[in-house]
């Protein structure tokens, strides 16, 4: 699929939300504006990131795609599960957790991403008018099963799958057609309204926004389904509001959007060290601007050419970039010799 500036801009913005959200998470109980921002972002930032992932799953019916998918997703999962287990121990975390069924940090996304492609095999046979409501119904009802939780990322897989399915069925033409001035104005209004409501109402427990726990664990056995259904409605409105506001224009940073998986897998190295070393000792609302700059810098660094070059073997199981780097380095070493030989012949 030909790359478009719109989707790279979208992925870059959404991965910024992910990094920023993880960066401010320990501070949300101490800084008022951080608490509001955290709740506001977590309602929609993973659903919209997942929707875009579903959009790029349109080749899911290709021959041999499951094998390729396992290599591209499950292999990095196992490698990073081991890496983070050792790394967390090395920076002073007291627990040693090497279990494959309990994903470290944000690695649940890889397990869920693989599972969403599996679910797509059956759901793409249903018309979207039937399949999407069914996926939302499963996401609501699954919370009533107390034995389904964070293990193997099963709860999150089923709770967030509707957004992956919407992304699969969403066409580029539909998305761009909706980007009118009036609809953008409504989108801005929705995002502002949710932010204001988040500011003036009691904070939603973060566990509701993670999608990883049963209603019993959330102490809402009776009305858990209603709460999740309402969150689905708000999240869907916010997801499409954000999508309508993404610019379809190429900027100097747009190309970084193709490397968001690297940022997702690697940003835990920086942020977890910062948490463990207590480097983020801030306590003022204005400090949030500095944290946003730090989050943007982390995204830029981890999506940069140098990081991609040397981490591609464990993230993608390829050595394309490092081979190219070595070839360029070799050519630079040889070029002075060639110039010297040419001068000798000329003399």
Foldseek 3Di string as FASTA:
>chain_A
DDDFLLLLLVLLVLLLLVLLLLQCVVVLVQEQLSVLSNLLSLLASVLLNLLQLLLVCLCLPDPPVLVLLCLQQVLLQLVLLVVVLVLCVVLPDDDRDSDSFQGPDPSLVSLLSSVLSVVCVPLVVDDCVPSLVVLCVQLLVVLLDQVAFRGSDRQVSSNSSSSSVNSNPDDPVVLVVQLDPVLLVVLVVLSVVSSVCSSPDDRDPVVLSSRGGHVVVVVNNPCSSVVSVVSVVSNVSNSSNVSSPRDRDDDPCSVLSVVSLQLSSPSCSVSVSCVSVVVPPDRYPVCSVVSSVVSSVSSPVSSDLVNCQVCVCSNRVDNVSVVVVVVVVVCVVCVVVVVVVVVVVVD
